[in-house]
Amino acid sequence: AMTQLGAPMLQLLTTLPPADIADYNLKH
């Protein structure tokens, strides 16, 4: 169940610019 939630989450994460990825890594 609920694997359809993966696509929008992946779309958001894989389109982050490098600066936002670096910030994400600091927070997680």
PDB file of all heavy atoms in Angstrom:
ATOM      1  N   ALA A   1       0.818  -1.214   0.000  1.00  0.00           N
ATOM      2  CA  ALA A   1       0.000   0.000   0.000  1.00  0.00           C
ATOM      3  C   ALA A   1       0.849   1.261   0.000  1.00  0.00           C
ATOM      4  O   ALA A   1       1.983   1.276   0.484  1.00  0.00           O
ATOM      5  CB  ALA A   1      -0.916   0.001   1.218  1.00  0.00           C
ATOM      6  N   MET A   2       0.289   2.316  -0.555  1.00  0.00           N
ATOM      7  CA  MET A   2       0.774   3.686  -0.448  1.00  0.00           C
ATOM      8  C   MET A   2       2.088   3.949  -1.170  1.00  0.00           C
ATOM      9  O   MET A   2       2.719   4.996  -0.959  1.00  0.00           O
ATOM     10  CB  MET A   2       0.890   4.103   1.030  1.00  0.00           C
ATOM     11  CG  MET A   2      -0.417   3.956   1.798  1.00  0.00           C
ATOM     12  SD  MET A   2      -0.308   4.434   3.535  1.00  0.00           S
ATOM     13  CE  MET A   2      -0.277   6.218   3.382  1.00  0.00           C
ATOM     14  N   THR A   3       2.525   3.046  -2.046  1.00  0.00           N
ATOM     15  CA  THR A   3       3.767   3.305  -2.774  1.00  0.00           C
ATOM     16  C   THR A   3       3.623   4.463  -3.760  1.00  0.00           C
ATOM     17  O   THR A   3       4.628   5.003  -4.228  1.00  0.00           O
ATOM     18  CB  THR A   3       4.219   2.043  -3.536  1.00  0.00           C
ATOM     19  OG1 THR A   3       3.140   1.576  -4.354  1.00  0.00           O
ATOM     20  CG2 THR A   3       4.643   0.952  -2.587  1.00  0.00           C
ATOM     21  N   GLN A   4       2.375   4.843  -4.066  1.00  0.00           N
ATOM     22  CA  GLN A   4       2.167   5.978  -4.959  1.00  0.00           C
ATOM     23  C   GLN A   4       2.697   7.276  -4.353  1.00  0.00           C
ATOM     24  O   GLN A   4       2.927   8.261  -5.070  1.00  0.00           O
ATOM     25  CB  GLN A   4       0.679   6.128  -5.319  1.00  0.00           C
ATOM     26  CG  GLN A   4      -0.209   6.614  -4.174  1.00  0.00           C
ATOM     27  CD  GLN A   4      -0.693   5.483  -3.281  1.00  0.00           C
ATOM     28  OE1 GLN A   4      -0.216   4.348  -3.383  1.00  0.00           O
ATOM     29  NE2 GLN A   4      -1.637   5.785  -2.416  1.00  0.00           N
ATOM     30  N   LEU A   5       2.916   7.291  -3.041  1.00  0.00           N
ATOM     31  CA  LEU A   5       3.475   8.472  -2.397  1.00  0.00           C
ATOM     32  C   LEU A   5       4.956   8.651  -2.739  1.00  0.00           C
ATOM     33  O   LEU A   5       5.502   9.742  -2.590  1.00  0.00           O
ATOM     34  CB  LEU A   5       3.316   8.366  -0.882  1.00  0.00           C
ATOM     35  CG  LEU A   5       1.883   8.286  -0.346  1.00  0.00           C
ATOM     36  CD1 LEU A   5       1.905   8.098   1.171  1.00  0.00           C
ATOM     37  CD2 LEU A   5       1.094   9.527  -0.709  1.00  0.00           C
ATOM     38  N   GLY A   6       5.600   7.575  -3.183  1.00  0.00           N
ATOM     39  CA  GLY A   6       7.025   7.649  -3.463  1.00  0.00           C
ATOM     40  C   GLY A   6       7.370   8.553  -4.633  1.00  0.00           C
ATOM     41  O   GLY A   6       8.378   9.277  -4.592  1.00  0.00           O
ATOM     42  N   ALA A   7       6.553   8.540  -5.682  1.00  0.00           N
ATOM     43  CA  ALA A   7       6.870   9.320  -6.886  1.00  0.00           C
ATOM     44  C   ALA A   7       6.958  10.819  -6.622  1.00  0.00           C
ATOM     45  O   ALA A   7       7.949  11.460  -7.007  1.00  0.00           O
ATOM     46  CB  ALA A   7       5.838   9.015  -7.977  1.00  0.00           C
ATOM     47  N   PRO A   8       5.952  11.443  -5.968  1.00  0.00           N
ATOM     48  CA  PRO A   8       6.098  12.884  -5.713  1.00  0.00           C
ATOM     49  C   PRO A   8       7.238  13.214  -4.754  1.00  0.00           C
ATOM     50  O   PRO A   8       7.885  14.261  -4.891  1.00  0.00           O
ATOM     51  CB  PRO A   8       4.734  13.283  -5.120  1.00  0.00           C
ATOM     52  CG  PRO A   8       4.090  12.019  -4.687  1.00  0.00           C
ATOM     53  CD  PRO A   8       4.613  10.960  -5.581  1.00  0.00           C
ATOM     54  N   MET A   9       7.490  12.328  -3.792  1.00  0.00           N
ATOM     55  CA  MET A   9       8.600  12.574  -2.878  1.00  0.00           C
ATOM     56  C   MET A   9       9.929  12.510  -3.626  1.00  0.00           C
ATOM     57  O   MET A   9      10.825  13.340  -3.402  1.00  0.00           O
ATOM     58  CB  MET A   9       8.569  11.548  -1.745  1.00  0.00           C
ATOM     59  CG  MET A   9       7.357  11.686  -0.832  1.00  0.00           C
ATOM     60  SD  MET A   9       7.145  10.275   0.296  1.00  0.00           S
ATOM     61  CE  MET A   9       8.542  10.512   1.385  1.00  0.00           C
ATOM     62  N   LEU A  10      10.061  11.529  -4.525  1.00  0.00           N
ATOM     63  CA  LEU A  10      11.281  11.425  -5.323  1.00  0.00           C
ATOM     64  C   LEU A  10      11.427  12.608  -6.272  1.00  0.00           C
ATOM     65  O   LEU A  10      12.533  13.124  -6.483  1.00  0.00           O
ATOM     66  CB  LEU A  10      11.276  10.117  -6.120  1.00  0.00           C
ATOM     67  CG  LEU A  10      11.676   8.862  -5.349  1.00  0.00           C
ATOM     68  CD1 LEU A  10      11.382   7.613  -6.167  1.00  0.00           C
ATOM     69  CD2 LEU A  10      13.159   8.908  -4.983  1.00  0.00           C
ATOM     70  N   GLN A  11      10.326  13.038  -6.856  1.00  0.00           N
ATOM     71  CA  GLN A  11      10.363  14.191  -7.750  1.00  0.00           C
ATOM     72  C   GLN A  11      10.882  15.427  -7.020  1.00  0.00           C
ATOM     73  O   GLN A  11      11.712  16.186  -7.548  1.00  0.00           O
ATOM     74  CB  GLN A  11       8.952  14.456  -8.306  1.00  0.00           C
ATOM     75  CG  GLN A  11       8.817  15.707  -9.167  1.00  0.00           C
ATOM     76  CD  GLN A  11       9.587  15.618 -10.470  1.00  0.00           C
ATOM     77  OE1 GLN A  11       9.935  14.506 -10.922  1.00  0.00           O
ATOM     78  NE2 GLN A  11       9.867  16.756 -11.080  1.00  0.00           N
ATOM     79  N   LEU A  12      10.414  15.608  -5.800  1.00  0.00           N
ATOM     80  CA  LEU A  12      10.864  16.757  -5.007  1.00  0.00           C
ATOM     81  C   LEU A  12      12.342  16.650  -4.662  1.00  0.00           C
ATOM     82  O   LEU A  12      13.110  17.607  -4.838  1.00  0.00           O
ATOM     83  CB  LEU A  12      10.023  16.850  -3.729  1.00  0.00           C
ATOM     84  CG  LEU A  12      10.424  17.926  -2.714  1.00  0.00           C
ATOM     85  CD1 LEU A  12      10.246  19.313  -3.310  1.00  0.00           C
ATOM     86  CD2 LEU A  12       9.615  17.779  -1.435  1.00  0.00           C
ATOM     87  N   LEU A  13      12.758  15.468  -4.196  1.00  0.00           N
ATOM     88  CA  LEU A  13      14.133  15.306  -3.742  1.00  0.00           C
ATOM     89  C   LEU A  13      15.148  15.329  -4.879  1.00  0.00           C
ATOM     90  O   LEU A  13      16.250  15.862  -4.733  1.00  0.00           O
ATOM     91  CB  LEU A  13      14.267  13.994  -2.964  1.00  0.00           C
ATOM     92  CG  LEU A  13      13.648  13.976  -1.565  1.00  0.00           C
ATOM     93  CD1 LEU A  13      13.598  12.556  -1.027  1.00  0.00           C
ATOM     94  CD2 LEU A  13      14.433  14.877  -0.611  1.00  0.00           C
ATOM     95  N   THR A  14      14.789  14.728  -5.998  1.00  0.00           N
ATOM     96  CA  THR A  14      15.750  14.631  -7.103  1.00  0.00           C
ATOM     97  C   THR A  14      15.861  15.913  -7.915  1.00  0.00           C
ATOM     98  O   THR A  14      16.722  16.014  -8.793  1.00  0.00           O
ATOM     99  CB  THR A  14      15.382  13.472  -8.039  1.00  0.00           C
ATOM    100  OG1 THR A  14      14.027  13.618  -8.485  1.00  0.00           O
ATOM    101  CG2 THR A  14      15.528  12.132  -7.334  1.00  0.00           C
ATOM    102  N   THR A  15      15.019  16.891  -7.658  1.00  0.00           N
ATOM    103  CA  THR A  15      15.109  18.172  -8.363  1.00  0.00           C
ATOM    104  C   THR A  15      15.645  19.288  -7.475  1.00  0.00           C
ATOM    105  O   THR A  15      15.659  20.449  -7.882  1.00  0.00           O
ATOM    106  CB  THR A  15      13.725  18.578  -8.916  1.00  0.00           C
ATOM    107  OG1 THR A  15      12.766  18.603  -7.853  1.00  0.00           O
ATOM    108  CG2 THR A  15      13.261  17.611  -9.996  1.00  0.00           C
ATOM    109  N   LEU A  16      16.084  18.940  -6.274  1.00  0.00           N
ATOM    110  CA  LEU A  16      16.671  19.953  -5.392  1.00  0.00           C
ATOM    111  C   LEU A  16      17.993  20.459  -5.966  1.00  0.00           C
ATOM    112  O   LEU A  16      18.813  19.672  -6.445  1.00  0.00           O
ATOM    113  CB  LEU A  16      16.922  19.367  -4.000  1.00  0.00           C
ATOM    114  CG  LEU A  16      15.721  19.071  -3.107  1.00  0.00           C
ATOM    115  CD1 LEU A  16      16.190  18.414  -1.807  1.00  0.00           C
ATOM    116  CD2 LEU A  16      14.942  20.342  -2.807  1.00  0.00           C
ATOM    117  N   PRO A  17      18.242  21.743  -5.920  1.00  0.00           N
ATOM    118  CA  PRO A  17      19.554  22.263  -6.333  1.00  0.00           C
ATOM    119  C   PRO A  17      20.629  21.862  -5.323  1.00  0.00           C
ATOM    120  O   PRO A  17      20.325  21.515  -4.172  1.00  0.00           O
ATOM    121  CB  PRO A  17      19.338  23.788  -6.352  1.00  0.00           C
ATOM    122  CG  PRO A  17      18.171  24.034  -5.464  1.00  0.00           C
ATOM    123  CD  PRO A  17      17.308  22.809  -5.556  1.00  0.00           C
ATOM    124  N   PRO A  18      21.898  21.913  -5.731  1.00  0.00           N
ATOM    125  CA  PRO A  18      22.990  21.465  -4.847  1.00  0.00           C
ATOM    126  C   PRO A  18      22.999  22.135  -3.475  1.00  0.00           C
ATOM    127  O   PRO A  18      23.276  21.481  -2.464  1.00  0.00           O
ATOM    128  CB  PRO A  18      24.248  21.806  -5.646  1.00  0.00           C
ATOM    129  CG  PRO A  18      23.795  21.758  -7.072  1.00  0.00           C
ATOM    130  CD  PRO A  18      22.389  22.251  -7.072  1.00  0.00           C
ATOM    131  N   ALA A  19      22.693  23.429  -3.426  1.00  0.00           N
ATOM    132  CA  ALA A  19      22.702  24.124  -2.139  1.00  0.00           C
ATOM    133  C   ALA A  19      21.637  23.564  -1.200  1.00  0.00           C
ATOM    134  O   ALA A  19      21.867  23.416   0.008  1.00  0.00           O
ATOM    135  CB  ALA A  19      22.473  25.623  -2.350  1.00  0.00           C
ATOM    136  N   ASP A  20      20.471  23.230  -1.760  1.00  0.00           N
ATOM    137  CA  ASP A  20      19.396  22.668  -0.937  1.00  0.00           C
ATOM    138  C   ASP A  20      19.731  21.246  -0.492  1.00  0.00           C
ATOM    139  O   ASP A  20      19.338  20.817   0.603  1.00  0.00           O
ATOM    140  CB  ASP A  20      18.076  22.675  -1.706  1.00  0.00           C
ATOM    141  CG  ASP A  20      17.509  24.081  -1.848  1.00  0.00           C
ATOM    142  OD1 ASP A  20      18.003  24.989  -1.153  1.00  0.00           O
ATOM    143  OD2 ASP A  20      16.590  24.274  -2.665  1.00  0.00           O
ATOM    144  N   ILE A  21      20.445  20.494  -1.342  1.00  0.00           N
ATOM    145  CA  ILE A  21      20.873  19.150  -0.953  1.00  0.00           C
ATOM    146  C   ILE A  21      21.854  19.230   0.210  1.00  0.00           C
ATOM    147  O   ILE A  21      21.769  18.460   1.178  1.00  0.00           O
ATOM    148  CB  ILE A  21      21.503  18.412  -2.151  1.00  0.00           C
ATOM    149  CG1 ILE A  21      20.439  18.121  -3.218  1.00  0.00           C
ATOM    150  CG2 ILE A  21      22.169  17.113  -1.689  1.00  0.00           C
ATOM    151  CD1 ILE A  21      20.985  17.490  -4.477  1.00  0.00           C
ATOM    152  N   ALA A  22      22.782  20.175   0.140  1.00  0.00           N
ATOM    153  CA  ALA A  22      23.736  20.355   1.233  1.00  0.00           C
ATOM    154  C   ALA A  22      23.009  20.723   2.524  1.00  0.00           C
ATOM    155  O   ALA A  22      23.340  20.222   3.611  1.00  0.00           O
ATOM    156  CB  ALA A  22      24.753  21.427   0.864  1.00  0.00           C
ATOM    157  N   ASP A  23      22.002  21.577   2.416  1.00  0.00           N
ATOM    158  CA  ASP A  23      21.220  21.966   3.593  1.00  0.00           C
ATOM    159  C   ASP A  23      20.432  20.774   4.140  1.00  0.00           C
ATOM    160  O   ASP A  23      20.332  20.586   5.356  1.00  0.00           O
ATOM    161  CB  ASP A  23      20.275  23.104   3.218  1.00  0.00           C
ATOM    162  CG  ASP A  23      19.515  23.642   4.418  1.00  0.00           C
ATOM    163  OD1 ASP A  23      20.151  24.056   5.396  1.00  0.00           O
ATOM    164  OD2 ASP A  23      18.256  23.635   4.374  1.00  0.00           O
ATOM    165  N   TYR A  24      19.879  19.959   3.218  1.00  0.00           N
ATOM    166  CA  TYR A  24      19.147  18.753   3.625  1.00  0.00           C
ATOM    167  C   TYR A  24      20.069  17.816   4.406  1.00  0.00           C
ATOM    168  O   TYR A  24      19.673  17.268   5.443  1.00  0.00           O
ATOM    169  CB  TYR A  24      18.594  18.054   2.390  1.00  0.00           C
ATOM    170  CG  TYR A  24      17.765  16.830   2.680  1.00  0.00           C
ATOM    171  CD1 TYR A  24      16.378  16.895   2.733  1.00  0.00           C
ATOM    172  CD2 TYR A  24      18.365  15.576   2.902  1.00  0.00           C
ATOM    173  CE1 TYR A  24      15.604  15.784   3.006  1.00  0.00           C
ATOM    174  CE2 TYR A  24      17.600  14.456   3.185  1.00  0.00           C
ATOM    175  CZ  TYR A  24      16.229  14.563   3.225  1.00  0.00           C
ATOM    176  OH  TYR A  24      15.465  13.450   3.509  1.00  0.00           O
ATOM    177  N   ASN A  25      21.279  17.657   3.924  1.00  0.00           N
ATOM    178  CA  ASN A  25      22.220  16.754   4.592  1.00  0.00           C
ATOM    179  C   ASN A  25      22.602  17.252   5.988  1.00  0.00           C
ATOM    180  O   ASN A  25      22.804  16.448   6.903  1.00  0.00           O
ATOM    181  CB  ASN A  25      23.468  16.577   3.731  1.00  0.00           C
ATOM    182  CG  ASN A  25      23.193  15.772   2.481  1.00  0.00           C
ATOM    183  OD1 ASN A  25      22.199  15.044   2.402  1.00  0.00           O
ATOM    184  ND2 ASN A  25      24.060  15.904   1.489  1.00  0.00           N
ATOM    185  N   LEU A  26      22.692  18.559   6.133  1.00  0.00           N
ATOM    186  CA  LEU A  26      22.982  19.126   7.451  1.00  0.00           C
ATOM    187  C   LEU A  26      21.842  18.859   8.429  1.00  0.00           C
ATOM    188  O   LEU A  26      22.067  18.585   9.612  1.00  0.00           O
ATOM    189  CB  LEU A  26      23.236  20.630   7.344  1.00  0.00           C
ATOM    190  CG  LEU A  26      24.575  21.056   6.733  1.00  0.00           C
ATOM    191  CD1 LEU A  26      24.608  22.574   6.548  1.00  0.00           C
ATOM    192  CD2 LEU A  26      25.747  20.608   7.616  1.00  0.00           C
ATOM    193  N   LYS A  27      20.617  18.920   7.934  1.00  0.00           N
ATOM    194  CA  LYS A  27      19.448  18.736   8.788  1.00  0.00           C
ATOM    195  C   LYS A  27      19.129  17.261   9.034  1.00  0.00           C
ATOM    196  O   LYS A  27      18.407  16.929   9.979  1.00  0.00           O
ATOM    197  CB  LYS A  27      18.230  19.421   8.166  1.00  0.00           C
ATOM    198  CG  LYS A  27      18.340  20.932   8.111  1.00  0.00           C
ATOM    199  CD  LYS A  27      17.127  21.544   7.432  1.00  0.00           C
ATOM    200  CE  LYS A  27      17.216  23.063   7.410  1.00  0.00           C
ATOM    201  NZ  LYS A  27      16.069  23.689   6.697  1.00  0.00           N
ATOM    202  N   HIS A  28      19.619  16.382   8.166  1.00  0.00           N
ATOM    203  CA  HIS A  28      19.329  14.944   8.290  1.00  0.00           C
ATOM    204  C   HIS A  28      20.625  14.143   8.233  1.00  0.00           C
ATOM    205  O   HIS A  28      20.857  13.370   7.293  1.00  0.00           O
ATOM    206  CB  HIS A  28      18.388  14.484   7.164  1.00  0.00           C
ATOM    207  CG  HIS A  28      17.106  15.252   7.089  1.00  0.00           C
ATOM    208  ND1 HIS A  28      16.984  16.437   6.380  1.00  0.00           N
ATOM    209  CD2 HIS A  28      15.894  15.011   7.645  1.00  0.00           C
ATOM    210  CE1 HIS A  28      15.742  16.874   6.486  1.00  0.00           C
ATOM    211  NE2 HIS A  28      15.065  16.047   7.251  1.00  0.00           N
TER     212      HIS A  28
END
